[in-house]
Amino acid sequence: MADTKPQQMDAIQQEIEALTASPLYDYRLENGYQPVIGEGSPDAAVMFIGEAPGKKEAKTGRPFVGASGSVLDELLESIGLIREQVYITNVVKDRPPDNRDPKEDEIELYAPFLRRQIEIIQPKVIATLGRFAMQFILKTFDRPEQDWKISSLHGEPLTAEANYGEVIILPLYHPAVVLYRRDQRDTLEEDFRVLRKYL
């Protein structure tokens, strides 16, 4: 009998916890951090994907729990969703030092885990949070817009073909943008309303 979705997710968790090949593994141990695999419903219709965990996330082992996580929760609430109904994760599952962008070798190492998570959940919509996650997912699904700027693509649903069928990719600004540009709040709320059409 095939493993259930939670069992498959647990297997990914264990593999990442033991991922000594990761350049971020020692940094994780030195700082008492945890890998951040993701959380939410394994049957979610919507999967949110960010870049990599920040300090608060690495301390708790949970994605988007800091200030930008509060913004994300409010945006979900604005379209009638709660965190437990969606699945939230990142491309890279360990925190890079000083919140720097993940490096190419780190992305390559963690990417197969994210691909497996997408296969397990089989979301109808993949909502990317920020430029980095957007580019990664557009590249993964071989979309021609993979080099476009997020300012041109945010809020624009793009169709892609996954192994399990059609999936909508919805690029969104990272919720953290609201923390230093209040005017972007309206833009994000508008883009989330696009997401509501697919629920």
N, C-alpha and C. Protein backbone atom coordinates (compact mmCIF):
# COMPACT_ATOMS: atom_id res chain seq x y z
N MET A 1 0.83 -1.20 0.00
CA MET A 1 0.00 0.00 0.00
C MET A 1 0.88 1.26 0.00
N ALA A 2 0.51 2.22 -0.83
CA ALA A 2 1.30 3.46 -0.92
C ALA A 2 1.21 4.25 0.38
N ASP A 3 2.28 4.95 0.70
CA ASP A 3 2.28 5.80 1.90
C ASP A 3 1.25 6.92 1.74
N THR A 4 0.65 7.31 2.85
CA THR A 4 -0.28 8.43 2.82
C THR A 4 0.50 9.73 2.59
N LYS A 5 -0.22 10.79 2.28
CA LYS A 5 0.44 12.08 2.06
C LYS A 5 1.24 12.54 3.30
N PRO A 6 0.63 12.47 4.51
CA PRO A 6 1.42 12.87 5.69
C PRO A 6 2.68 12.02 5.87
N GLN A 7 2.60 10.72 5.57
CA GLN A 7 3.78 9.86 5.68
C GLN A 7 4.86 10.27 4.68
N GLN A 8 4.42 10.62 3.47
CA GLN A 8 5.39 11.07 2.46
C GLN A 8 6.05 12.39 2.87
N MET A 9 5.26 13.27 3.48
CA MET A 9 5.81 14.54 3.98
C MET A 9 6.79 14.30 5.13
N ASP A 10 6.44 13.35 6.00
CA ASP A 10 7.33 13.01 7.12
C ASP A 10 8.67 12.48 6.59
N ALA A 11 8.62 11.70 5.52
CA ALA A 11 9.85 11.15 4.93
C ALA A 11 10.74 12.29 4.43
N ILE A 12 10.11 13.29 3.81
CA ILE A 12 10.87 14.46 3.33
C ILE A 12 11.49 15.20 4.52
N GLN A 13 10.71 15.37 5.57
CA GLN A 13 11.20 16.04 6.79
C GLN A 13 12.46 15.33 7.31
N GLN A 14 12.38 14.01 7.42
CA GLN A 14 13.52 13.24 7.95
C GLN A 14 14.75 13.36 7.05
N GLU A 15 14.52 13.31 5.75
CA GLU A 15 15.64 13.42 4.82
C GLU A 15 16.32 14.78 4.93
N ILE A 16 15.52 15.83 5.06
CA ILE A 16 16.10 17.17 5.14
C ILE A 16 16.80 17.38 6.49
N GLU A 17 16.23 16.84 7.55
CA GLU A 17 16.88 16.94 8.87
C GLU A 17 18.28 16.32 8.85
N ALA A 18 18.43 15.26 8.04
CA ALA A 18 19.71 14.53 7.98
C ALA A 18 20.57 14.95 6.79
N LEU A 19 20.26 16.09 6.20
CA LEU A 19 20.91 16.50 4.95
C LEU A 19 22.28 17.14 5.22
N THR A 20 23.23 16.31 5.61
CA THR A 20 24.58 16.82 5.93
C THR A 20 25.29 17.37 4.69
N ALA A 21 24.82 16.99 3.51
CA ALA A 21 25.42 17.50 2.26
C ALA A 21 25.10 18.97 2.02
N SER A 22 24.14 19.50 2.76
CA SER A 22 23.75 20.90 2.56
C SER A 22 24.82 21.84 3.09
N PRO A 23 25.18 22.88 2.31
CA PRO A 23 26.12 23.89 2.80
C PRO A 23 25.54 24.67 3.99
N LEU A 24 24.22 24.54 4.21
CA LEU A 24 23.57 25.26 5.32
C LEU A 24 23.42 24.40 6.57
N TYR A 25 23.83 23.14 6.49
CA TYR A 25 23.61 22.19 7.59
C TYR A 25 24.37 22.62 8.86
N ASP A 26 25.66 22.93 8.72
CA ASP A 26 26.46 23.32 9.90
C ASP A 26 25.94 24.61 10.51
N TYR A 27 25.55 25.54 9.66
CA TYR A 27 25.00 26.82 10.13
C TYR A 27 23.72 26.57 10.94
N ARG A 28 22.93 25.61 10.47
CA ARG A 28 21.71 25.22 11.21
C ARG A 28 22.06 24.73 12.61
N LEU A 29 23.03 23.82 12.70
CA LEU A 29 23.41 23.23 13.99
C LEU A 29 24.02 24.29 14.92
N GLU A 30 24.93 25.10 14.38
CA GLU A 30 25.61 26.13 15.19
C GLU A 30 24.62 27.09 15.86
N ASN A 31 23.52 27.36 15.16
CA ASN A 31 22.57 28.36 15.66
C ASN A 31 21.33 27.77 16.33
N GLY A 32 21.29 26.46 16.41
CA GLY A 32 20.13 25.81 17.02
C GLY A 32 18.88 26.00 16.18
N TYR A 33 19.07 26.11 14.86
CA TYR A 33 17.93 26.28 13.94
C TYR A 33 17.33 24.92 13.57
N GLN A 34 16.16 24.99 12.98
CA GLN A 34 15.51 23.79 12.44
C GLN A 34 15.30 24.00 10.95
N PRO A 35 15.28 22.90 10.19
CA PRO A 35 14.85 23.06 8.80
C PRO A 35 13.37 23.40 8.78
N VAL A 36 12.94 24.13 7.78
CA VAL A 36 11.53 24.51 7.67
C VAL A 36 10.95 23.81 6.44
N ILE A 37 10.24 22.74 6.67
CA ILE A 37 9.76 21.91 5.57
C ILE A 37 8.51 22.52 4.93
N GLY A 38 7.64 23.04 5.78
CA GLY A 38 6.37 23.58 5.31
C GLY A 38 5.27 23.16 6.25
N GLU A 39 4.10 23.77 6.11
CA GLU A 39 2.97 23.37 6.94
C GLU A 39 1.66 23.71 6.25
N GLY A 40 0.63 23.03 6.71
CA GLY A 40 -0.70 23.24 6.14
C GLY A 40 -1.32 21.92 5.73
N SER A 41 -2.32 22.01 4.88
CA SER A 41 -3.05 20.82 4.46
C SER A 41 -2.34 20.11 3.31
N PRO A 42 -2.10 18.79 3.45
CA PRO A 42 -1.50 18.05 2.33
C PRO A 42 -2.46 17.89 1.16
N ASP A 43 -3.73 18.26 1.37
CA ASP A 43 -4.73 18.21 0.30
C ASP A 43 -5.10 19.61 -0.20
N ALA A 44 -4.25 20.59 0.10
CA ALA A 44 -4.56 21.98 -0.23
C ALA A 44 -4.72 22.20 -1.73
N ALA A 45 -5.67 23.06 -2.08
CA ALA A 45 -5.83 23.45 -3.49
C ALA A 45 -4.82 24.53 -3.86
N VAL A 46 -4.35 25.26 -2.83
CA VAL A 46 -3.38 26.34 -3.07
C VAL A 46 -2.11 26.08 -2.28
N MET A 47 -0.99 26.19 -2.98
CA MET A 47 0.33 26.01 -2.35
C MET A 47 1.10 27.32 -2.50
N PHE A 48 1.55 27.88 -1.39
CA PHE A 48 2.35 29.09 -1.40
C PHE A 48 3.82 28.72 -1.28
N ILE A 49 4.64 29.34 -2.11
CA ILE A 49 6.07 29.02 -2.08
C ILE A 49 6.88 30.31 -1.97
N GLY A 50 7.66 30.40 -0.90
CA GLY A 50 8.56 31.53 -0.71
C GLY A 50 9.99 31.13 -1.05
N GLU A 51 10.92 31.94 -0.60
CA GLU A 51 12.33 31.76 -0.98
C GLU A 51 13.07 30.83 -0.02
N ALA A 52 13.20 31.26 1.22
CA ALA A 52 13.94 30.50 2.24
C ALA A 52 13.50 31.02 3.61
N PRO A 53 13.67 30.22 4.65
CA PRO A 53 13.24 30.68 5.99
C PRO A 53 14.10 31.83 6.51
N GLY A 54 13.48 32.70 7.30
CA GLY A 54 14.21 33.74 8.03
C GLY A 54 14.56 33.21 9.42
N LYS A 55 15.04 34.08 10.28
CA LYS A 55 15.50 33.68 11.61
C LYS A 55 14.38 33.09 12.46
N LYS A 56 13.24 33.79 12.49
CA LYS A 56 12.11 33.33 13.32
C LYS A 56 11.61 31.97 12.84
N GLU A 57 11.58 31.81 11.51
CA GLU A 57 11.13 30.55 10.91
C GLU A 57 12.09 29.42 11.28
N ALA A 58 13.39 29.70 11.17
CA ALA A 58 14.40 28.67 11.48
C ALA A 58 14.40 28.32 12.97
N LYS A 59 14.05 29.28 13.82
CA LYS A 59 13.97 29.00 15.26
C LYS A 59 12.78 28.11 15.60
N THR A 60 11.67 28.32 14.88
CA THR A 60 10.43 27.59 15.19
C THR A 60 10.20 26.37 14.31
N GLY A 61 10.90 26.33 13.16
CA GLY A 61 10.66 25.24 12.21
C GLY A 61 9.38 25.41 11.42
N ARG A 62 8.81 26.64 11.44
CA ARG A 62 7.55 26.91 10.74
C ARG A 62 7.73 28.03 9.72
N PRO A 63 7.07 27.93 8.56
CA PRO A 63 7.24 28.97 7.54
C PRO A 63 6.39 30.21 7.83
N PHE A 64 6.92 31.36 7.47
CA PHE A 64 6.16 32.62 7.53
C PHE A 64 5.49 32.85 8.89
N VAL A 65 6.32 32.92 9.93
CA VAL A 65 5.77 33.18 11.27
C VAL A 65 6.18 34.55 11.80
N GLY A 66 7.03 35.27 11.07
CA GLY A 66 7.44 36.60 11.51
C GLY A 66 6.46 37.65 11.06
N ALA A 67 6.96 38.87 10.90
CA ALA A 67 6.10 39.99 10.51
C ALA A 67 5.45 39.75 9.15
N SER A 68 6.21 39.20 8.20
CA SER A 68 5.63 38.96 6.88
C SER A 68 4.60 37.82 6.93
N GLY A 69 4.77 36.92 7.90
CA GLY A 69 3.78 35.85 8.10
C GLY A 69 2.44 36.41 8.57
N SER A 70 2.50 37.44 9.42
CA SER A 70 1.26 38.09 9.88
C SER A 70 0.53 38.73 8.71
N VAL A 71 1.31 39.35 7.82
CA VAL A 71 0.71 39.96 6.62
C VAL A 71 0.07 38.87 5.76
N LEU A 72 0.78 37.76 5.60
CA LEU A 72 0.24 36.65 4.80
C LEU A 72 -1.07 36.14 5.40
N ASP A 73 -1.11 35.98 6.72
CA ASP A 73 -2.33 35.52 7.39
C ASP A 73 -3.50 36.48 7.14
N GLU A 74 -3.21 37.78 7.19
CA GLU A 74 -4.27 38.79 6.95
C GLU A 74 -4.75 38.72 5.49
N LEU A 75 -3.82 38.51 4.58
CA LEU A 75 -4.20 38.43 3.16
C LEU A 75 -5.04 37.17 2.90
N LEU A 76 -4.68 36.08 3.55
CA LEU A 76 -5.48 34.86 3.43
C LEU A 76 -6.90 35.11 3.95
N GLU A 77 -6.95 35.74 5.11
CA GLU A 77 -8.25 36.03 5.74
C GLU A 77 -9.11 36.91 4.84
N SER A 78 -8.46 37.81 4.11
CA SER A 78 -9.21 38.73 3.23
C SER A 78 -9.94 38.00 2.10
N ILE A 79 -9.50 36.76 1.80
CA ILE A 79 -10.22 35.98 0.77
C ILE A 79 -10.87 34.73 1.38
N GLY A 80 -11.06 34.79 2.70
CA GLY A 80 -11.82 33.73 3.37
C GLY A 80 -11.06 32.44 3.60
N LEU A 81 -9.74 32.54 3.71
CA LEU A 81 -8.94 31.34 3.96
C LEU A 81 -8.20 31.46 5.29
N ILE A 82 -7.85 30.33 5.85
CA ILE A 82 -6.93 30.30 6.98
C ILE A 82 -5.74 29.43 6.59
N ARG A 83 -4.66 29.63 7.30
CA ARG A 83 -3.39 28.95 7.03
C ARG A 83 -3.55 27.42 6.91
N GLU A 84 -4.40 26.85 7.76
CA GLU A 84 -4.56 25.39 7.80
C GLU A 84 -5.18 24.83 6.51
N GLN A 85 -5.79 25.70 5.70
CA GLN A 85 -6.45 25.24 4.46
C GLN A 85 -5.51 25.24 3.26
N VAL A 86 -4.36 25.90 3.39
CA VAL A 86 -3.42 25.97 2.28
C VAL A 86 -2.13 25.25 2.70
N TYR A 87 -1.17 25.18 1.80
CA TYR A 87 0.14 24.64 2.19
C TYR A 87 1.18 25.72 1.91
N ILE A 88 2.06 25.96 2.88
CA ILE A 88 3.06 27.03 2.78
C ILE A 88 4.45 26.43 2.93
N THR A 89 5.33 26.73 2.00
CA THR A 89 6.70 26.22 2.08
C THR A 89 7.64 27.19 1.38
N ASN A 90 8.90 26.79 1.24
CA ASN A 90 9.92 27.60 0.57
C ASN A 90 10.70 26.73 -0.42
N VAL A 91 11.41 27.39 -1.31
CA VAL A 91 12.27 26.66 -2.24
C VAL A 91 13.40 26.00 -1.45
N VAL A 92 14.10 26.79 -0.64
CA VAL A 92 15.20 26.30 0.19
C VAL A 92 14.67 26.11 1.60
N LYS A 93 14.99 24.99 2.22
CA LYS A 93 14.36 24.61 3.50
C LYS A 93 15.18 24.98 4.74
N ASP A 94 16.41 25.48 4.54
CA ASP A 94 17.23 25.93 5.67
C ASP A 94 17.54 27.41 5.50
N ARG A 95 17.78 28.07 6.61
CA ARG A 95 18.03 29.52 6.56
C ARG A 95 19.44 29.82 6.07
N PRO A 96 19.57 30.63 5.02
CA PRO A 96 20.91 31.10 4.64
C PRO A 96 21.38 32.18 5.62
N PRO A 97 22.70 32.29 5.85
CA PRO A 97 23.20 33.31 6.78
C PRO A 97 22.82 34.72 6.34
N ASP A 98 22.53 35.57 7.32
CA ASP A 98 22.26 37.00 7.09
C ASP A 98 21.14 37.26 6.09
N ASN A 99 20.21 36.31 5.99
CA ASN A 99 19.07 36.47 5.05
C ASN A 99 19.51 36.72 3.60
N ARG A 100 20.70 36.26 3.24
CA ARG A 100 21.14 36.43 1.85
C ARG A 100 20.31 35.54 0.94
N ASP A 101 20.36 35.83 -0.37
CA ASP A 101 19.68 34.98 -1.35
C ASP A 101 20.33 33.60 -1.35
N PRO A 102 19.54 32.55 -1.52
CA PRO A 102 20.14 31.22 -1.64
C PRO A 102 21.05 31.14 -2.86
N LYS A 103 22.12 30.35 -2.72
CA LYS A 103 23.05 30.19 -3.84
C LYS A 103 22.57 29.07 -4.76
N GLU A 104 23.13 29.05 -5.94
CA GLU A 104 22.72 28.10 -6.97
C GLU A 104 22.83 26.65 -6.49
N ASP A 105 23.93 26.31 -5.82
CA ASP A 105 24.11 24.91 -5.37
C ASP A 105 23.11 24.56 -4.27
N GLU A 106 22.74 25.55 -3.46
CA GLU A 106 21.73 25.30 -2.41
C GLU A 106 20.37 25.03 -3.05
N ILE A 107 20.04 25.82 -4.05
CA ILE A 107 18.76 25.64 -4.74
C ILE A 107 18.69 24.25 -5.37
N GLU A 108 19.77 23.87 -6.04
CA GLU A 108 19.80 22.56 -6.71
C GLU A 108 19.62 21.42 -5.71
N LEU A 109 20.20 21.59 -4.54
CA LEU A 109 20.13 20.54 -3.52
C LEU A 109 18.71 20.40 -2.95
N TYR A 110 18.05 21.53 -2.72
CA TYR A 110 16.72 21.49 -2.08
C TYR A 110 15.56 21.35 -3.08
N ALA A 111 15.81 21.71 -4.34
CA ALA A 111 14.73 21.71 -5.34
C ALA A 111 13.98 20.38 -5.46
N PRO A 112 14.67 19.23 -5.45
CA PRO A 112 13.93 17.97 -5.58
C PRO A 112 12.91 17.74 -4.46
N PHE A 113 13.18 18.27 -3.27
CA PHE A 113 12.23 18.12 -2.16
C PHE A 113 10.96 18.91 -2.45
N LEU A 114 11.13 20.12 -2.96
CA LEU A 114 9.96 20.94 -3.31
C LEU A 114 9.16 20.27 -4.43
N ARG A 115 9.86 19.74 -5.40
CA ARG A 115 9.14 19.07 -6.51
C ARG A 115 8.33 17.89 -5.98
N ARG A 116 8.91 17.16 -5.04
CA ARG A 116 8.16 16.05 -4.43
C ARG A 116 6.94 16.55 -3.68
N GLN A 117 7.10 17.67 -2.97
CA GLN A 117 5.96 18.23 -2.22
C GLN A 117 4.83 18.63 -3.18
N ILE A 118 5.19 19.20 -4.32
CA ILE A 118 4.17 19.57 -5.31
C ILE A 118 3.46 18.31 -5.81
N GLU A 119 4.22 17.26 -6.04
CA GLU A 119 3.63 15.99 -6.52
C GLU A 119 2.69 15.37 -5.47
N ILE A 120 3.07 15.50 -4.20
CA ILE A 120 2.25 14.93 -3.11
C ILE A 120 0.94 15.71 -2.97
N ILE A 121 1.04 17.03 -2.93
CA ILE A 121 -0.13 17.88 -2.68
C ILE A 121 -1.00 18.02 -3.93
N GLN A 122 -0.35 18.11 -5.09
CA GLN A 122 -1.07 18.29 -6.36
C GLN A 122 -2.01 19.50 -6.31
N PRO A 123 -1.45 20.67 -6.01
CA PRO A 123 -2.30 21.86 -5.88
C PRO A 123 -2.88 22.29 -7.23
N LYS A 124 -4.03 22.96 -7.16
CA LYS A 124 -4.62 23.56 -8.37
C LYS A 124 -3.89 24.86 -8.70
N VAL A 125 -3.42 25.53 -7.63
CA VAL A 125 -2.74 26.82 -7.80
C VAL A 125 -1.43 26.80 -7.01
N ILE A 126 -0.36 27.23 -7.67
CA ILE A 126 0.90 27.48 -6.98
C ILE A 126 1.08 28.99 -6.96
N ALA A 127 1.01 29.58 -5.77
CA ALA A 127 1.19 31.02 -5.62
C ALA A 127 2.61 31.27 -5.13
N THR A 128 3.40 31.94 -5.96
CA THR A 128 4.79 32.21 -5.57
C THR A 128 4.86 33.54 -4.84
N LEU A 129 5.67 33.59 -3.79
CA LEU A 129 5.79 34.80 -2.97
C LEU A 129 7.17 35.41 -3.20
N GLY A 130 7.22 36.44 -4.02
CA GLY A 130 8.49 37.10 -4.30
C GLY A 130 9.12 36.66 -5.62
N ARG A 131 10.06 37.46 -6.06
CA ARG A 131 10.74 37.27 -7.35
C ARG A 131 11.46 35.93 -7.44
N PHE A 132 12.15 35.59 -6.36
CA PHE A 132 12.99 34.41 -6.37
C PHE A 132 12.18 33.13 -6.58
N ALA A 133 11.12 32.97 -5.80
CA ALA A 133 10.27 31.77 -5.92
C ALA A 133 9.57 31.76 -7.27
N MET A 134 9.16 32.95 -7.75
CA MET A 134 8.50 33.05 -9.05
C MET A 134 9.41 32.52 -10.15
N GLN A 135 10.65 32.99 -10.18
CA GLN A 135 11.58 32.56 -11.22
C GLN A 135 11.83 31.06 -11.15
N PHE A 136 11.97 30.56 -9.94
CA PHE A 136 12.24 29.13 -9.78
C PHE A 136 11.08 28.29 -10.32
N ILE A 137 9.85 28.65 -9.96
CA ILE A 137 8.69 27.86 -10.39
C ILE A 137 8.45 27.99 -11.90
N LEU A 138 8.61 29.20 -12.43
CA LEU A 138 8.43 29.37 -13.87
C LEU A 138 9.46 28.56 -14.65
N LYS A 139 10.66 28.47 -14.11
CA LYS A 139 11.72 27.67 -14.74
C LYS A 139 11.38 26.18 -14.63
N THR A 140 10.92 25.77 -13.45
CA THR A 140 10.56 24.37 -13.21
C THR A 140 9.50 23.90 -14.21
N PHE A 141 8.53 24.77 -14.47
CA PHE A 141 7.44 24.40 -15.39
C PHE A 141 7.70 24.89 -16.82
N ASP A 142 8.93 25.36 -17.04
CA ASP A 142 9.38 25.75 -18.38
C ASP A 142 8.47 26.78 -19.04
N ARG A 143 8.07 27.77 -18.26
CA ARG A 143 7.26 28.86 -18.81
C ARG A 143 8.17 29.88 -19.49
N PRO A 144 7.72 30.46 -20.62
CA PRO A 144 8.57 31.42 -21.33
C PRO A 144 8.85 32.71 -20.55
N GLU A 145 8.04 32.99 -19.51
CA GLU A 145 8.21 34.25 -18.76
C GLU A 145 9.26 34.14 -17.65
N GLN A 146 10.04 33.06 -17.61
CA GLN A 146 10.91 32.84 -16.45
C GLN A 146 11.94 33.95 -16.18
N ASP A 147 12.24 34.77 -17.18
CA ASP A 147 13.18 35.88 -16.96
C ASP A 147 12.49 37.23 -16.82
N TRP A 148 11.17 37.21 -16.78
CA TRP A 148 10.43 38.47 -16.65
C TRP A 148 10.55 39.02 -15.23
N LYS A 149 10.26 40.29 -15.10
CA LYS A 149 10.27 40.93 -13.78
C LYS A 149 8.93 40.66 -13.08
N ILE A 150 8.98 40.58 -11.77
CA ILE A 150 7.76 40.34 -10.99
C ILE A 150 6.79 41.51 -11.15
N SER A 151 7.32 42.71 -11.39
CA SER A 151 6.44 43.88 -11.56
C SER A 151 5.56 43.74 -12.80
N SER A 152 6.00 42.92 -13.77
CA SER A 152 5.19 42.69 -14.97
C SER A 152 4.22 41.52 -14.81
N LEU A 153 4.54 40.61 -13.88
CA LEU A 153 3.79 39.35 -13.82
C LEU A 153 2.88 39.19 -12.60
N HIS A 154 3.09 40.01 -11.57
CA HIS A 154 2.31 39.80 -10.34
C HIS A 154 0.81 39.86 -10.62
N GLY A 155 0.08 38.95 -10.02
CA GLY A 155 -1.38 38.92 -10.17
C GLY A 155 -1.87 38.36 -11.49
N GLU A 156 -0.94 37.89 -12.34
CA GLU A 156 -1.31 37.33 -13.64
C GLU A 156 -1.29 35.81 -13.58
N PRO A 157 -2.43 35.14 -13.66
CA PRO A 157 -2.43 33.68 -13.61
C PRO A 157 -1.84 33.09 -14.90
N LEU A 158 -0.92 32.15 -14.74
CA LEU A 158 -0.28 31.49 -15.88
C LEU A 158 -0.57 30.00 -15.79
N THR A 159 -0.91 29.40 -16.90
CA THR A 159 -1.23 27.98 -16.91
C THR A 159 0.02 27.15 -17.19
N ALA A 160 0.17 26.06 -16.47
CA ALA A 160 1.30 25.15 -16.71
C ALA A 160 0.80 23.71 -16.61
N GLU A 161 1.61 22.83 -17.09
CA GLU A 161 1.24 21.40 -17.09
C GLU A 161 2.10 20.67 -16.07
N ALA A 162 1.46 20.13 -15.04
CA ALA A 162 2.16 19.29 -14.06
C ALA A 162 1.92 17.83 -14.43
N ASN A 163 2.63 16.92 -13.79
CA ASN A 163 2.44 15.48 -14.05
C ASN A 163 1.01 15.04 -13.78
N TYR A 164 0.35 15.73 -12.85
CA TYR A 164 -1.00 15.33 -12.45
C TYR A 164 -2.09 16.12 -13.18
N GLY A 165 -1.69 17.03 -14.06
CA GLY A 165 -2.69 17.83 -14.80
C GLY A 165 -2.34 19.30 -14.80
N GLU A 166 -3.33 20.12 -15.13
CA GLU A 166 -3.09 21.56 -15.25
C GLU A 166 -2.94 22.22 -13.89
N VAL A 167 -2.03 23.18 -13.82
CA VAL A 167 -1.85 23.95 -12.59
C VAL A 167 -1.74 25.43 -12.97
N ILE A 168 -2.29 26.28 -12.12
CA ILE A 168 -2.19 27.74 -12.31
C ILE A 168 -1.03 28.24 -11.47
N ILE A 169 -0.14 28.99 -12.09
CA ILE A 169 0.94 29.64 -11.35
C ILE A 169 0.54 31.11 -11.20
N LEU A 170 0.49 31.57 -9.96
CA LEU A 170 0.11 32.96 -9.70
C LEU A 170 1.26 33.68 -8.99
N PRO A 171 2.04 34.48 -9.71
CA PRO A 171 3.11 35.23 -9.06
C PRO A 171 2.54 36.34 -8.17
N LEU A 172 3.05 36.41 -6.96
CA LEU A 172 2.63 37.45 -6.00
C LEU A 172 3.87 38.11 -5.43
N TYR A 173 3.74 39.37 -5.05
CA TYR A 173 4.83 40.01 -4.31
C TYR A 173 4.99 39.29 -2.96
N HIS A 174 6.20 39.33 -2.44
CA HIS A 174 6.44 38.76 -1.11
C HIS A 174 5.72 39.65 -0.08
N PRO A 175 5.04 39.03 0.90
CA PRO A 175 4.31 39.85 1.90
C PRO A 175 5.19 40.86 2.62
N ALA A 176 6.49 40.59 2.71
CA ALA A 176 7.41 41.52 3.41
C ALA A 176 7.45 42.88 2.73
N VAL A 177 7.08 42.95 1.46
CA VAL A 177 7.11 44.23 0.74
C VAL A 177 6.23 45.27 1.43
N VAL A 178 5.15 44.80 2.06
CA VAL A 178 4.21 45.68 2.76
C VAL A 178 4.88 46.36 3.96
N LEU A 179 5.88 45.70 4.54
CA LEU A 179 6.51 46.22 5.75
C LEU A 179 7.34 47.47 5.46
N TYR A 180 7.84 47.59 4.22
CA TYR A 180 8.60 48.80 3.93
C TYR A 180 7.99 49.64 2.80
N ARG A 181 6.91 49.14 2.21
CA ARG A 181 6.17 49.95 1.22
C ARG A 181 4.68 49.76 1.43
N ARG A 182 4.13 50.60 2.27
CA ARG A 182 2.71 50.47 2.64
C ARG A 182 1.79 50.51 1.42
N ASP A 183 2.20 51.27 0.39
CA ASP A 183 1.35 51.41 -0.79
C ASP A 183 1.16 50.08 -1.54
N GLN A 184 2.03 49.12 -1.25
CA GLN A 184 1.93 47.82 -1.93
C GLN A 184 0.85 46.93 -1.32
N ARG A 185 0.34 47.35 -0.20
CA ARG A 185 -0.70 46.55 0.47
C ARG A 185 -1.92 46.36 -0.46
N ASP A 186 -2.35 47.45 -1.08
CA ASP A 186 -3.51 47.39 -1.99
C ASP A 186 -3.24 46.46 -3.16
N THR A 187 -2.01 46.52 -3.68
CA THR A 187 -1.64 45.66 -4.82
C THR A 187 -1.74 44.20 -4.41
N LEU A 188 -1.20 43.87 -3.25
CA LEU A 188 -1.25 42.48 -2.78
C LEU A 188 -2.68 42.02 -2.55
N GLU A 189 -3.48 42.88 -1.96
CA GLU A 189 -4.88 42.51 -1.71
C GLU A 189 -5.62 42.25 -3.03
N GLU A 190 -5.32 43.07 -4.02
CA GLU A 190 -5.93 42.91 -5.34
C GLU A 190 -5.48 41.58 -5.98
N ASP A 191 -4.20 41.28 -5.86
CA ASP A 191 -3.68 40.03 -6.42
C ASP A 191 -4.26 38.81 -5.71
N PHE A 192 -4.49 38.93 -4.42
CA PHE A 192 -5.11 37.83 -3.67
C PHE A 192 -6.55 37.60 -4.12
N ARG A 193 -7.21 38.67 -4.55
CA ARG A 193 -8.58 38.51 -5.05
C ARG A 193 -8.59 37.68 -6.34
N VAL A 194 -7.53 37.74 -7.11
CA VAL A 194 -7.38 36.90 -8.30
C VAL A 194 -7.34 35.44 -7.86
N LEU A 195 -6.61 35.20 -6.78
CA LEU A 195 -6.47 33.84 -6.23
C LEU A 195 -7.83 33.27 -5.82
N ARG A 196 -8.68 34.12 -5.28
CA ARG A 196 -9.99 33.67 -4.79
C ARG A 196 -10.82 33.00 -5.90
N LYS A 197 -10.62 33.42 -7.14
CA LYS A 197 -11.38 32.85 -8.28
C LYS A 197 -11.14 31.36 -8.44
N TYR A 198 -10.00 30.90 -7.93
CA TYR A 198 -9.64 29.49 -8.14
C TYR A 198 -9.99 28.59 -6.95
N LEU A 199 -10.63 29.16 -5.95
CA LEU A 199 -10.92 28.37 -4.74
C LEU A 199 -12.20 27.56 -4.93
